[in-house]
Structure formats: C-alpha cells, structure tokens
Amino acid sequence: MTSGGKRVFSASVIIILGLVALGAGFPTRFGELADQALGAVTSMFGWFYLISVFGFVIFLISLALSKYGKIRLGPQDSRPSYTFFSWVSMLLAAGFGVGLVFYGMAEPMQHYLKPPFADMPGETPESARYAIQYAFFNWGVHQWAAFSVVGLIIAYFQFRKGQAGLVSSVLSSVTAKHPKVRRYGSVLDVFAVVATVMGVATSLGLGVLQMNGGLHFVFGVEEGWQWQFIIMGVMFCAYMASTWSGLDKGIKRLSNLNMSICIALMLYVLFTGPTLEILKTITLGIGDYLQNFIGMSLRMSPYDGNDWNSSWTVFYWAWVIAWSPFVGTFVARVSRGRTIKEYVVGVLIVPPLLACLWIGVFGGAAINMELASDVGLAAATDANITSALFEMFDLMPFSSVLSVVAIMLIFIFLVTSADSASYIVAQMTDGGSINPPLYKRIAWGVLIAAICLTLISTGGLKGLQSASVLSDRRQMLSQLYRRHGETPVGADIFEADSLAEEDRIRRAPDVKNRRVNPRDHH
C-alpha cells in the first residue's frame, strides 16, 4: 500500500467509525440534523442540480457524436474485457438494480395517487399517463449522467493515461501545474470512500429490513432483529464468497444471474398481466418522455411554492451525485477497451431503457389493474411501499412463486452491491490498484457488515439514512423500527405514540388524499 493509500484508509476508517458512533448513539438528533441539511441543500441548490445534470447529458451525447467518440478507454488496439450482456448486467447491479425491483411498480402508483406538481387530480386516466411519464424521467437518462461523467473521467485517466483509478485523478492536470493542490486529492478520495461505505452499509441495512418485511408478508416470518441478523449473516457469507471468487467470477456471474431473473420476471408479468395495455403504456410513456424531455429536465416552481420537484427530481439528482464516486469508479473498472461512443451509449442509454421497460411493465400492470377494477393497489402502496410489489403479485397466478423470486432477486442484487462496494473501496484505499489485494477486499466487506449490524441493532440507520441522501424521518420510523402489532421494536413511548397516530390517519377514509413523501426511494 502506498503512503497515500495508507492515509486514505486510516482517515476513512476514523471518519466512518465516528459517523457510526454518532448515528448509533444519537439517532434521533443526528437524523434531524442530517434531514435539515438535506432539505436546505435541495431547496437552495435545486436549480444548480437541474442545470448540472442536464448539462452532463448534453456533454456526454455531444462527446459521443464528435470525433472524440472513436477514442478507446485504453490503448487504441485494446478491446472490451466483458461481453455486452455481462457489461450491462454489472452496470445495472452496481447502479440501481435493487431500487428498481422495489420501486418500479410503487413509484408510478404514487404519482398516480398524487400527480407531479399537482397538475391534475389523482387517480384518473390523466394522472396515470403522467405517472408513467415522470417515473420514466426520474429513472431515465439523467440518473445515469452523473455516473457516466465520473466513470468516463476515471476510465480515461486510468486506462488511457496510465494513472491511478481514483476519483482524485480528475485533479491530475491541476496538480501537475500546482503541486500544492495534490494533497487535496486525498481529501476527495476520503470523501468517496466514506460516501460509498456509509451509503452501502445503510442500503444493506434497509435491504435487510425490506427482505424481512417480504418474508413476513409471504411466509409470516417474525419481523425483528433476530431475523434481520440471520438475513444479514447469510448475505455476508454470500458476498464474502463472491469477493473470494474475484471480479470476473463473483460479481460477473451474480450480475448475469440478476439480469436473467429480471428479464424472466418482467416477461412473466407482461404476458400474464394486461399485456396489450402494458405495451400501449410503454409506447405512450416513451413518447411522452421524449416529447417533454427538456421541459421536465429544467422544470421548477419558483412562483407557487410547490415542493414536489425538490422532494422527487432534485432529491434523485442529489442521490446520484452522492453515489457517483462509487458507481462511476466501478463503471470505469468494467469499461476498459470500449470507445467513448460505445461507453456513452452503453452507460447512458441502455440501463435507462431497461429501467423504463421495467417500470412500464410493473407500473403499467399495476395502474391498469387499478383503473380497471380498483383492486386496492393504490391504497396498499400508500400504506406500505415496501410490500406494494408483493400485493400486486397476490393478484397474479403463482403469486407465492413470484414473491419468492422477487425476494431472491433483491437478495442477489444486495450481495452484488456489497461485493462491488468492497472491491471499489479496496481499490480506493490501495492507491487505485486495478486488482486490490484479497485481504483488503475482505476487510472492507467485514467492516461494511459490522457497520450495518450495528446500525440495525441500535436504530442508527435513521440518522445515516439522511446523511447518505436516502430517506426522511417518516419513512425511517416506519421501516427501521419494525413493528409487533402497534408498537415498533426498540422505540420509546413517544415514537410508539407517533406511529400509532400515523396508523390511525392511514386507516382513515381520506387516506388516498394524504401527501406521500418520496424520500424513501433509495
């Protein structure tokens, strides 16, 4: 390990342990401060997020179509290390696979209930069309723009210029002229490590809780820390085995399996659901998305004070920018040998297209079922977003099998994310080595699991969720304090009373008119 790698490793561990101690020791206060900071940032700089991400999209497309699109990310005679299928599978696994499984159906349903910008009444055919349009937008090209820019810069400097595969590589041209700036590169690398580890540990914790909820829904498994520890233990063993196998065997094989299961599940829902309506929904949704692309990209509400944009689109862009060091570094690692044009098409176009197909199938099926016979999916989604997908499966043939497959898919996505994170963090703390040592990958994998278990057992996920740009206080309580009856496990009497009041409101006749806060999406 280089001296720079040692400094990044030591500083990262100290900061991470400090954040975990604060989140675990003072979860309520830490969560409040983090959520207030998140609200202030999205409110004050929302315009900047919109312009920046839109600018990334324009820049990447222009670069791909220019003469520079023929440049390879590596020696000019190099060729891609992975097949197109494996490459795209790994991109999806690292980017947003597990989020798409959970919210591909739930987000359109939420927009159907409460349309974006309050432009129309909810639960109407008009709001159904609008819901698909904005769900496509939120999970489309823009979400991958930040990942693509960071990954392209790192891949170019790493494979074309022979520099370290680090986020700080973006400063190389500056540090060459101003050596005093070089020390700030380590600060950037430390930030990338901390953001990756805390974000992945928090996501794993939420995934464990969501899997526990799915097992409870399907099999009646008790919701509590005992089962959550068991789930985390099985997950830890799985991603340690994958880490031991290496990138080409572990992550690649799991990603290919993920993609195959996703395609099979999507085709099953397409052909057993309202097939014709789903196909029409996808076609119309893509048309609306392309037609309103620029308007949605830059839309804000400076005159009427509507905060939908900051709660949804700006929140998404803040999340992808926070995660871009991790996803971008991983994307760079698996993209060696491709031309810039191939890279942009593959990273900026293909994953969003697959996401839109997934949302069109699952969201389209759910909305069409609801419009046709009011099957209760809207109310179920509003009541508990984590079980909404399972509620839809309950209306389809072989519902139990579908639920088991979905739980398995979520599990594999989480394992792949943890394995990818262990690999990338090891790379970041080993001077950007393209093949970090096994002991370091295992060390980070163990630390991520330990952090996750600590946060689950103490309720500290509440604070770090906002700090990682993941969720708000309301969804933290409903997801992180799993309930036995009316009382959340581990909650004090005041929090129990608060949740009981939320339950009473949710069961009221006007439940469908309540505002849904979306900051529980990642």
Protein backbone atom coordinates (compact mmCIF):
# COMPACT_ATOMS: atom_id res chain seq x y z
CA MET A 1 0.00 0.00 0.00
CA THR A 2 1.34 3.44 -0.90
CA SER A 3 1.65 6.17 1.72
CA GLY A 4 -1.27 7.96 0.06
CA GLY A 5 -3.33 4.77 0.22
CA LYS A 6 -2.50 4.38 3.92
CA ARG A 7 -3.61 7.93 4.64
CA VAL A 8 -6.88 7.46 2.75
CA PHE A 9 -7.50 4.14 4.52
CA SER A 10 -6.80 5.49 8.03
CA ALA A 11 -8.71 8.73 7.59
CA SER A 12 -11.69 6.92 6.06
CA VAL A 13 -11.92 4.37 8.87
CA ILE A 14 -11.74 7.07 11.55
CA ILE A 15 -14.44 9.22 9.93
CA ILE A 16 -16.71 6.22 9.25
CA LEU A 17 -16.46 4.92 12.82
CA GLY A 18 -17.15 8.44 14.11
CA LEU A 19 -20.28 8.75 11.97
CA VAL A 20 -21.46 5.32 13.06
CA ALA A 21 -20.94 6.24 16.72
CA LEU A 22 -22.95 9.44 16.28
CA GLY A 23 -25.70 7.72 14.30
CA ALA A 24 -25.95 4.84 16.77
CA GLY A 25 -25.62 6.93 19.93
CA PHE A 26 -27.86 9.83 18.96
CA PRO A 27 -30.05 8.52 16.13
CA THR A 28 -32.92 10.97 16.59
CA ARG A 29 -30.86 14.15 16.79
CA PHE A 30 -28.42 13.02 14.11
CA GLY A 31 -31.30 12.17 11.82
CA GLU A 32 -32.95 15.53 12.38
CA LEU A 33 -29.76 17.46 11.64
CA ALA A 34 -28.97 15.38 8.57
CA ASP A 35 -32.51 15.75 7.24
CA GLN A 36 -32.47 19.51 7.85
CA ALA A 37 -29.17 19.78 5.99
CA LEU A 38 -30.55 17.72 3.11
CA GLY A 39 -33.66 19.93 2.95
CA ALA A 40 -31.58 23.10 2.93
CA VAL A 41 -29.29 21.83 0.17
CA THR A 42 -32.13 20.68 -2.11
CA SER A 43 -34.02 23.93 -1.52
CA MET A 44 -31.11 26.31 -2.09
CA PHE A 45 -29.27 24.44 -4.83
CA GLY A 46 -32.06 22.59 -6.60
CA TRP A 47 -31.69 24.84 -9.64
CA PHE A 48 -27.98 24.02 -9.77
CA TYR A 49 -28.64 20.27 -9.63
CA LEU A 50 -31.09 20.51 -12.52
CA ILE A 51 -28.78 22.58 -14.72
CA SER A 52 -25.73 20.46 -13.88
CA VAL A 53 -27.29 17.06 -14.59
CA PHE A 54 -28.91 18.34 -17.79
CA GLY A 55 -25.50 19.72 -18.76
CA PHE A 56 -23.93 16.30 -18.16
CA VAL A 57 -26.45 14.74 -20.55
CA ILE A 58 -25.74 17.28 -23.30
CA PHE A 59 -21.97 16.98 -22.82
CA LEU A 60 -21.95 13.16 -22.99
CA ILE A 61 -24.14 12.97 -26.08
CA SER A 62 -22.10 15.67 -27.84
CA LEU A 63 -18.86 13.90 -26.94
CA ALA A 64 -20.11 10.56 -28.25
CA LEU A 65 -21.16 12.09 -31.58
CA SER A 66 -17.93 14.06 -32.01
CA LYS A 67 -14.60 12.87 -33.42
CA TYR A 68 -13.54 12.01 -29.86
CA GLY A 69 -16.12 9.23 -29.75
CA LYS A 70 -13.64 6.91 -31.50
CA ILE A 71 -11.08 7.17 -28.69
CA ARG A 72 -10.77 3.98 -26.68
CA LEU A 73 -10.66 3.84 -22.89
CA GLY A 74 -7.32 2.09 -23.02
CA PRO A 75 -4.68 1.58 -25.73
CA GLN A 76 -6.17 2.15 -29.16
CA ASP A 77 -5.71 -1.54 -30.03
CA SER A 78 -7.41 -2.74 -26.81
CA ARG A 79 -10.79 -4.46 -26.80
CA PRO A 80 -13.56 -4.77 -24.17
CA SER A 81 -12.86 -7.15 -21.31
CA TYR A 82 -16.51 -8.24 -20.98
CA THR A 83 -19.32 -9.16 -23.34
CA PHE A 84 -22.04 -6.58 -23.83
CA PHE A 85 -24.54 -8.62 -21.79
CA SER A 86 -22.16 -9.06 -18.84
CA TRP A 87 -21.13 -5.41 -19.02
CA VAL A 88 -24.69 -4.07 -18.92
CA SER A 89 -25.59 -6.59 -16.19
CA MET A 90 -22.78 -5.30 -13.99
CA LEU A 91 -23.76 -1.69 -14.68
CA LEU A 92 -27.32 -2.37 -13.51
CA ALA A 93 -26.20 -4.31 -10.44
CA ALA A 94 -23.92 -1.51 -9.28
CA GLY A 95 -26.25 1.32 -10.29
CA PHE A 96 -29.86 0.86 -9.24
CA GLY A 97 -30.91 -2.78 -9.53
CA VAL A 98 -32.43 -3.33 -6.10
CA GLY A 99 -34.15 0.07 -6.08
CA LEU A 100 -35.78 -0.68 -9.40
CA VAL A 101 -37.14 -4.01 -8.14
CA PHE A 102 -38.86 -2.34 -5.21
CA TYR A 103 -40.00 0.92 -6.73
CA GLY A 104 -40.57 0.10 -10.39
CA MET A 105 -44.19 -0.56 -9.50
CA ALA A 106 -44.54 1.65 -6.42
CA GLU A 107 -43.31 4.97 -7.80
CA PRO A 108 -45.75 5.18 -10.73
CA MET A 109 -48.52 4.28 -8.30
CA GLN A 110 -47.51 7.13 -6.01
CA HIS A 111 -47.51 9.59 -8.90
CA TYR A 112 -50.90 8.20 -9.92
CA LEU A 113 -52.20 8.98 -6.43
CA LYS A 114 -50.61 12.44 -6.25
CA PRO A 115 -49.51 13.73 -9.66
CA PRO A 116 -46.29 15.75 -10.06
CA PHE A 117 -46.58 19.46 -9.39
CA ALA A 118 -50.28 18.95 -8.54
CA ASP A 119 -51.02 19.48 -12.24
CA MET A 120 -54.22 17.39 -12.16
CA PRO A 121 -56.45 15.34 -9.85
CA GLY A 122 -55.09 11.99 -8.74
CA GLU A 123 -56.45 8.53 -9.52
CA THR A 124 -57.60 9.44 -13.04
CA PRO A 125 -56.57 8.21 -16.50
CA GLU A 126 -54.76 11.53 -16.97
CA SER A 127 -52.74 11.10 -13.78
CA ALA A 128 -51.94 7.50 -14.81
CA ARG A 129 -50.35 8.76 -18.04
CA TYR A 130 -48.49 11.49 -16.16
CA ALA A 131 -47.28 8.98 -13.58
CA ILE A 132 -45.55 6.81 -16.18
CA GLN A 133 -44.04 9.85 -17.91
CA TYR A 134 -42.39 11.17 -14.74
CA ALA A 135 -41.36 7.72 -13.50
CA PHE A 136 -39.55 7.22 -16.82
CA PHE A 137 -37.92 10.62 -16.38
CA ASN A 138 -36.77 10.04 -12.79
CA TRP A 139 -35.22 6.65 -13.65
CA GLY A 140 -34.08 7.58 -17.14
CA VAL A 141 -31.09 9.17 -18.82
CA HIS A 142 -30.46 11.87 -16.22
CA GLN A 143 -29.96 9.44 -13.36
CA TRP A 144 -27.05 7.85 -15.21
CA ALA A 145 -25.49 11.10 -16.38
CA ALA A 146 -23.55 11.75 -13.17
CA PHE A 147 -22.39 8.12 -13.02
CA SER A 148 -21.33 8.33 -16.66
CA VAL A 149 -19.31 11.54 -16.32
CA VAL A 150 -17.36 10.35 -13.27
CA GLY A 151 -16.79 6.90 -14.78
CA LEU A 152 -15.64 8.35 -18.09
CA ILE A 153 -13.10 10.66 -16.45
CA ILE A 154 -11.69 7.89 -14.24
CA ALA A 155 -11.58 5.35 -17.10
CA TYR A 156 -9.83 7.81 -19.41
CA PHE A 157 -7.11 8.72 -16.91
CA GLN A 158 -6.73 5.16 -15.64
CA PHE A 159 -6.68 3.18 -18.89
CA ARG A 160 -5.62 5.81 -21.44
CA LYS A 161 -3.17 7.86 -19.37
CA GLY A 162 -1.99 5.08 -17.04
CA GLN A 163 -2.88 6.91 -13.83
CA ALA A 164 -4.45 5.56 -10.65
CA GLY A 165 -8.11 4.56 -10.74
CA LEU A 166 -9.12 7.16 -8.17
CA VAL A 167 -11.65 9.97 -8.01
CA SER A 168 -8.75 12.34 -7.39
CA SER A 169 -7.49 11.59 -10.90
CA VAL A 170 -9.77 14.41 -12.07
CA LEU A 171 -7.27 16.81 -10.43
CA SER A 172 -4.21 15.38 -12.18
CA SER A 173 -3.95 18.17 -14.76
CA VAL A 174 -4.22 20.76 -12.00
CA THR A 175 -1.73 19.12 -9.63
CA ALA A 176 0.81 18.87 -12.44
CA LYS A 177 0.94 22.67 -12.59
CA HIS A 178 0.24 23.32 -8.92
CA PRO A 179 1.83 20.60 -6.72
CA LYS A 180 0.42 22.16 -3.54
CA VAL A 181 -3.06 21.18 -4.68
CA ARG A 182 -2.04 17.49 -4.70
CA ARG A 183 -2.84 16.97 -1.02
CA TYR A 184 -6.46 17.88 -1.66
CA GLY A 185 -6.73 14.85 -3.91
CA SER A 186 -6.55 12.60 -0.86
CA VAL A 187 -9.42 14.56 0.68
CA LEU A 188 -11.51 13.81 -2.41
CA ASP A 189 -10.63 10.12 -2.18
CA VAL A 190 -11.54 10.01 1.52
CA PHE A 191 -14.89 11.60 0.74
CA ALA A 192 -15.50 8.98 -1.95
CA VAL A 193 -14.67 6.12 0.45
CA VAL A 194 -16.85 7.49 3.26
CA ALA A 195 -19.80 8.14 0.92
CA THR A 196 -19.51 4.64 -0.54
CA VAL A 197 -19.15 2.72 2.73
CA MET A 198 -21.88 4.59 4.62
CA GLY A 199 -24.23 4.53 1.64
CA VAL A 200 -23.76 0.81 1.01
CA ALA A 201 -23.99 -0.10 4.71
CA THR A 202 -27.18 1.90 5.03
CA SER A 203 -28.63 0.42 1.83
CA LEU A 204 -27.79 -3.09 3.03
CA GLY A 205 -29.50 -2.36 6.33
CA LEU A 206 -32.62 -1.13 4.58
CA GLY A 207 -32.49 -4.09 2.24
CA VAL A 208 -32.32 -6.46 5.21
CA LEU A 209 -35.34 -4.78 6.77
CA GLN A 210 -37.23 -4.85 3.48
CA MET A 211 -36.39 -8.53 2.95
CA ASN A 212 -37.62 -9.22 6.47
CA GLY A 213 -40.86 -7.45 5.55
CA GLY A 214 -41.17 -9.51 2.37
CA LEU A 215 -40.61 -12.78 4.23
CA HIS A 216 -43.18 -11.68 6.78
CA PHE A 217 -45.69 -10.90 4.04
CA VAL A 218 -45.15 -14.21 2.22
CA PHE A 219 -44.29 -16.69 4.98
CA GLY A 220 -45.33 -14.96 8.20
CA VAL A 221 -41.73 -14.75 9.45
CA GLU A 222 -41.41 -12.58 12.54
CA GLU A 223 -40.20 -9.04 11.94
CA GLY A 224 -37.42 -8.22 14.40
CA TRP A 225 -33.70 -8.01 14.94
CA GLN A 226 -33.26 -11.78 15.29
CA TRP A 227 -34.35 -12.49 11.72
CA GLN A 228 -32.62 -9.36 10.47
CA PHE A 229 -29.32 -10.62 11.91
CA ILE A 230 -29.88 -14.02 10.28
CA ILE A 231 -30.60 -12.39 6.90
CA MET A 232 -27.52 -10.19 7.22
CA GLY A 233 -25.42 -13.20 8.21
CA VAL A 234 -26.49 -15.18 5.14
CA MET A 235 -25.91 -12.13 2.95
CA PHE A 236 -22.45 -11.62 4.46
CA CYS A 237 -21.44 -15.21 3.74
CA ALA A 238 -22.71 -14.88 0.18
CA TYR A 239 -20.85 -11.69 -0.68
CA MET A 240 -17.68 -12.89 1.06
CA ALA A 241 -17.77 -15.98 -1.16
CA SER A 242 -18.27 -13.72 -4.18
CA THR A 243 -15.41 -11.47 -3.04
CA TRP A 244 -13.16 -14.51 -2.71
CA SER A 245 -14.03 -15.54 -6.28
CA GLY A 246 -12.94 -12.19 -7.69
CA LEU A 247 -14.47 -9.73 -10.15
CA ASP A 248 -14.60 -11.99 -13.21
CA LYS A 249 -16.22 -14.90 -11.39
CA GLY A 250 -18.15 -13.46 -8.44
CA ILE A 251 -19.61 -10.11 -9.49
CA LYS A 252 -19.83 -11.06 -13.17
CA ARG A 253 -21.73 -14.30 -12.55
CA LEU A 254 -24.08 -12.76 -9.99
CA SER A 255 -24.80 -9.83 -12.33
CA ASN A 256 -25.57 -12.17 -15.23
CA LEU A 257 -27.90 -14.16 -12.95
CA ASN A 258 -29.60 -10.94 -11.85
CA MET A 259 -30.20 -9.86 -15.41
CA SER A 260 -31.59 -13.24 -16.43
CA ILE A 261 -34.02 -13.32 -13.49
CA CYS A 262 -35.08 -9.71 -14.17
CA ILE A 263 -35.86 -10.45 -17.80
CA ALA A 264 -37.75 -13.63 -16.93
CA LEU A 265 -39.80 -11.90 -14.21
CA MET A 266 -40.57 -8.95 -16.45
CA LEU A 267 -41.71 -11.18 -19.31
CA TYR A 268 -43.91 -13.21 -16.95
CA VAL A 269 -45.70 -10.08 -15.68
CA LEU A 270 -46.01 -8.78 -19.25
CA PHE A 271 -47.70 -11.92 -20.59
CA THR A 272 -49.84 -12.82 -17.56
CA GLY A 273 -50.92 -9.25 -16.86
CA PRO A 274 -52.93 -6.91 -19.10
CA THR A 275 -50.46 -7.40 -21.97
CA LEU A 276 -51.97 -5.07 -24.57
CA GLU A 277 -52.46 -2.26 -22.05
CA ILE A 278 -48.88 -2.65 -20.81
CA LEU A 279 -47.47 -2.42 -24.34
CA LYS A 280 -49.57 0.69 -25.02
CA THR A 281 -48.41 2.18 -21.69
CA ILE A 282 -44.73 1.66 -22.58
CA THR A 283 -45.16 3.13 -26.07
CA LEU A 284 -47.07 6.18 -24.85
CA GLY A 285 -44.70 6.65 -21.89
CA ILE A 286 -41.61 6.72 -24.10
CA GLY A 287 -43.32 9.19 -26.42
CA ASP A 288 -44.31 11.50 -23.54
CA TYR A 289 -40.81 11.20 -22.05
CA LEU A 290 -39.06 12.19 -25.27
CA GLN A 291 -41.55 14.92 -26.13
CA ASN A 292 -41.22 16.61 -22.72
CA PHE A 293 -37.55 15.80 -22.13
CA ILE A 294 -36.19 19.36 -21.94
CA GLY A 295 -39.18 20.77 -20.07
CA MET A 296 -39.01 18.12 -17.34
CA SER A 297 -35.22 18.50 -17.14
CA LEU A 298 -35.40 22.15 -16.11
CA ARG A 299 -38.85 22.48 -14.54
CA MET A 300 -39.11 24.21 -11.14
CA SER A 301 -41.83 26.03 -9.15
CA PRO A 302 -40.48 29.49 -8.28
CA TYR A 303 -43.90 31.15 -8.17
CA ASP A 304 -46.33 28.84 -6.42
CA GLY A 305 -44.04 27.25 -3.79
CA ASN A 306 -44.80 23.68 -4.87
CA ASP A 307 -42.12 21.43 -3.39
CA TRP A 308 -42.73 18.30 -5.49
CA ASN A 309 -39.60 18.89 -7.53
CA SER A 310 -37.28 19.16 -4.52
CA SER A 311 -38.84 16.06 -2.98
CA TRP A 312 -38.51 13.95 -6.10
CA THR A 313 -36.34 15.02 -9.04
CA VAL A 314 -33.83 17.19 -7.16
CA PHE A 315 -33.65 14.55 -4.44
CA TYR A 316 -32.83 11.91 -7.05
CA TRP A 317 -30.12 14.04 -8.63
CA ALA A 318 -28.59 14.73 -5.20
CA TRP A 319 -28.59 10.98 -4.55
CA VAL A 320 -26.89 10.02 -7.83
CA ILE A 321 -24.24 12.71 -7.40
CA ALA A 322 -23.54 11.45 -3.87
CA TRP A 323 -23.18 7.90 -5.22
CA SER A 324 -21.26 8.81 -8.38
CA PRO A 325 -17.78 8.19 -6.87
CA PHE A 326 -18.65 4.55 -6.16
CA VAL A 327 -20.75 3.75 -9.23
CA GLY A 328 -18.52 5.82 -11.51
CA THR A 329 -15.36 4.06 -10.31
CA PHE A 330 -16.98 0.65 -10.79
CA VAL A 331 -18.30 1.58 -14.22
CA ALA A 332 -14.80 2.71 -15.19
CA ARG A 333 -13.29 -0.55 -13.95
CA VAL A 334 -15.51 -2.74 -16.17
CA SER A 335 -15.41 -0.46 -19.25
CA ARG A 336 -11.78 -0.83 -20.27
CA GLY A 337 -11.31 -1.23 -24.02
CA ARG A 338 -14.55 0.38 -25.15
CA THR A 339 -14.66 3.52 -27.25
CA ILE A 340 -16.13 6.68 -25.76
CA LYS A 341 -19.08 6.31 -28.13
CA GLU A 342 -19.69 2.72 -27.00
CA TYR A 343 -19.31 3.80 -23.40
CA VAL A 344 -21.84 6.63 -23.64
CA VAL A 345 -24.41 4.52 -25.49
CA GLY A 346 -23.93 1.61 -23.12
CA VAL A 347 -23.95 3.57 -19.86
CA LEU A 348 -26.22 6.50 -20.67
CA ILE A 349 -28.81 4.79 -22.88
CA VAL A 350 -29.09 1.04 -22.26
CA PRO A 351 -29.64 0.94 -18.44
CA PRO A 352 -32.26 3.76 -18.59
CA LEU A 353 -34.02 1.96 -21.44
CA LEU A 354 -34.17 -1.26 -19.41
CA ALA A 355 -35.40 0.76 -16.41
CA CYS A 356 -38.20 2.27 -18.48
CA LEU A 357 -39.21 -1.18 -19.73
CA TRP A 358 -39.29 -2.49 -16.15
CA ILE A 359 -41.35 0.48 -14.92
CA GLY A 360 -43.62 0.23 -17.94
CA VAL A 361 -44.33 -3.44 -17.27
CA PHE A 362 -44.72 -3.38 -13.49
CA GLY A 363 -46.06 0.15 -13.09
CA GLY A 364 -48.23 -0.19 -16.17
CA ALA A 365 -49.66 -3.50 -14.96
CA ALA A 366 -50.46 -2.10 -11.51
CA ILE A 367 -52.06 1.12 -12.77
CA ASN A 368 -54.14 -0.70 -15.39
CA MET A 369 -55.32 -3.20 -12.77
CA GLU A 370 -56.29 -0.33 -10.50
CA LEU A 371 -58.11 1.61 -13.22
CA ALA A 372 -59.97 -1.49 -14.40
CA SER A 373 -61.34 -2.75 -11.08
CA ASP A 374 -59.94 -0.75 -8.15
CA VAL A 375 -58.06 -3.74 -6.72
CA GLY A 376 -56.60 -1.75 -3.82
CA LEU A 377 -53.02 -1.46 -5.04
CA ALA A 378 -53.02 2.32 -4.66
CA ALA A 379 -54.06 2.13 -1.00
CA ALA A 380 -51.60 -0.72 -0.38
CA THR A 381 -48.74 1.28 -1.89
CA ASP A 382 -49.67 4.35 0.12
CA ALA A 383 -49.81 2.29 3.32
CA ASN A 384 -46.51 0.39 2.90
CA ILE A 385 -44.32 0.95 -0.12
CA THR A 386 -42.00 -1.96 0.72
CA SER A 387 -44.74 -4.57 0.33
CA ALA A 388 -46.52 -2.99 -2.64
CA LEU A 389 -44.88 -5.32 -5.17
CA PHE A 390 -45.96 -8.37 -3.18
CA GLU A 391 -49.51 -7.03 -3.03
CA MET A 392 -49.54 -6.90 -6.84
CA PHE A 393 -48.14 -10.43 -7.10
CA ASP A 394 -51.03 -11.56 -4.90
CA LEU A 395 -53.37 -10.73 -7.80
CA MET A 396 -51.44 -12.86 -10.31
CA PRO A 397 -51.09 -16.61 -10.97
CA PHE A 398 -48.46 -18.42 -8.85
CA SER A 399 -48.21 -15.41 -6.52
CA SER A 400 -46.12 -17.23 -3.90
CA VAL A 401 -43.56 -18.29 -6.50
CA LEU A 402 -43.35 -14.72 -7.83
CA SER A 403 -42.79 -13.34 -4.33
CA VAL A 404 -40.03 -15.85 -3.64
CA VAL A 405 -38.34 -14.99 -6.94
CA ALA A 406 -38.56 -11.27 -6.12
CA ILE A 407 -37.04 -11.82 -2.66
CA MET A 408 -34.26 -13.89 -4.22
CA LEU A 409 -33.64 -11.18 -6.82
CA ILE A 410 -33.42 -8.49 -4.14
CA PHE A 411 -31.03 -10.67 -2.16
CA ILE A 412 -28.71 -11.23 -5.13
CA PHE A 413 -28.74 -7.52 -6.00
CA LEU A 414 -27.75 -6.65 -2.42
CA VAL A 415 -24.98 -9.25 -2.44
CA THR A 416 -23.68 -7.87 -5.74
CA SER A 417 -23.79 -4.29 -4.43
CA ALA A 418 -21.87 -5.24 -1.27
CA ASP A 419 -19.30 -7.19 -3.26
CA SER A 420 -18.88 -4.32 -5.76
CA ALA A 421 -18.51 -1.81 -2.94
CA SER A 422 -15.90 -3.94 -1.15
CA TYR A 423 -13.92 -4.17 -4.38
CA ILE A 424 -14.11 -0.46 -5.21
CA VAL A 425 -13.34 0.74 -1.67
CA ALA A 426 -10.35 -1.60 -1.56
CA GLN A 427 -9.22 -0.06 -4.83
CA MET A 428 -9.70 3.46 -3.49
CA THR A 429 -7.62 2.69 -0.40
CA ASP A 430 -4.88 0.86 -2.32
CA GLY A 431 -3.72 3.72 -4.46
CA GLY A 432 -6.19 2.98 -7.25
CA SER A 433 -4.87 -0.51 -7.93
CA ILE A 434 -6.85 -2.29 -10.65
CA ASN A 435 -6.61 -5.54 -8.66
CA PRO A 436 -6.64 -4.68 -4.93
CA PRO A 437 -5.43 -7.47 -2.62
CA LEU A 438 -7.94 -10.00 -1.35
CA TYR A 439 -7.29 -9.25 2.32
CA LYS A 440 -8.25 -5.63 1.79
CA ARG A 441 -11.46 -6.54 -0.05
CA ILE A 442 -12.38 -8.91 2.77
CA ALA A 443 -11.50 -6.31 5.42
CA TRP A 444 -13.84 -3.74 3.89
CA GLY A 445 -16.55 -6.37 3.42
CA VAL A 446 -16.34 -7.26 7.12
CA LEU A 447 -16.39 -3.59 8.13
CA ILE A 448 -19.44 -2.85 5.97
CA ALA A 449 -21.31 -5.82 7.51
CA ALA A 450 -20.30 -4.79 11.04
CA ILE A 451 -21.50 -1.23 10.46
CA CYS A 452 -24.77 -2.49 9.03
CA LEU A 453 -25.44 -4.77 12.02
CA THR A 454 -24.53 -2.02 14.46
CA LEU A 455 -26.95 0.40 12.83
CA ILE A 456 -29.74 -2.18 12.69
CA SER A 457 -29.37 -3.15 16.36
CA THR A 458 -29.21 0.44 17.64
CA GLY A 459 -31.62 2.12 15.25
CA GLY A 460 -28.76 4.30 13.99
CA LEU A 461 -29.81 3.74 10.39
CA LYS A 462 -32.28 6.57 10.93
CA GLY A 463 -29.60 9.23 11.06
CA LEU A 464 -27.22 7.88 8.48
CA GLN A 465 -30.07 7.36 6.02
CA SER A 466 -30.46 11.10 5.59
CA ALA A 467 -26.73 11.65 5.73
CA SER A 468 -26.38 9.27 2.78
CA VAL A 469 -29.21 11.09 0.95
CA LEU A 470 -31.58 8.16 1.30
CA SER A 471 -34.74 8.90 3.25
CA ASP A 472 -36.70 11.14 5.60
CA ARG A 473 -37.81 10.82 9.22
CA ARG A 474 -41.26 9.44 8.49
CA GLN A 475 -40.09 6.53 6.38
CA MET A 476 -37.16 5.91 8.72
CA LEU A 477 -39.54 5.22 11.58
CA SER A 478 -41.88 3.04 9.55
CA GLN A 479 -39.04 1.00 8.01
CA LEU A 480 -36.35 0.93 10.66
CA TYR A 481 -38.50 0.27 13.72
CA ARG A 482 -40.19 -2.95 12.68
CA ARG A 483 -43.48 -3.46 14.39
CA HIS A 484 -45.14 -6.07 16.57
CA GLY A 485 -48.76 -5.06 16.45
CA GLU A 486 -48.91 -1.33 17.06
CA THR A 487 -45.55 -0.86 18.82
CA PRO A 488 -42.25 -0.56 16.92
CA VAL A 489 -39.46 -2.77 18.24
CA GLY A 490 -36.90 -0.71 20.11
CA ALA A 491 -38.93 2.52 20.04
CA ASP A 492 -39.62 4.65 23.03
CA ILE A 493 -43.16 5.52 24.12
CA PHE A 494 -43.22 8.83 22.24
CA GLU A 495 -42.20 7.23 18.96
CA ALA A 496 -44.73 4.46 19.53
CA ASP A 497 -47.46 7.06 20.01
CA SER A 498 -46.34 8.86 16.86
CA LEU A 499 -46.52 5.70 14.78
CA ALA A 500 -49.87 4.76 16.25
CA GLU A 501 -51.20 8.17 15.20
CA GLU A 502 -49.82 7.64 11.69
CA ASP A 503 -51.59 4.28 11.55
CA ARG A 504 -54.89 5.87 12.56
CA ILE A 505 -54.51 8.54 9.86
CA ARG A 506 -53.61 5.95 7.26
CA ARG A 507 -56.71 3.91 8.02
CA ALA A 508 -58.97 6.93 7.77
CA PRO A 509 -61.39 7.17 4.79
CA ASP A 510 -59.45 10.03 3.22
CA VAL A 511 -56.19 8.09 3.18
CA LYS A 512 -55.82 8.44 -0.55
CA ASN A 513 -55.67 12.23 -0.25
CA ARG A 514 -52.70 12.23 2.11
CA ARG A 515 -49.45 13.56 0.71
CA VAL A 516 -46.78 10.90 0.17
CA ASN A 517 -43.19 11.95 0.84
CA PRO A 518 -40.96 10.09 -1.63
CA ARG A 519 -37.62 10.34 0.13
CA ASP A 520 -37.71 6.63 0.88
CA HIS A 521 -36.68 5.57 -2.59
CA HIS A 522 -33.04 4.57 -2.21
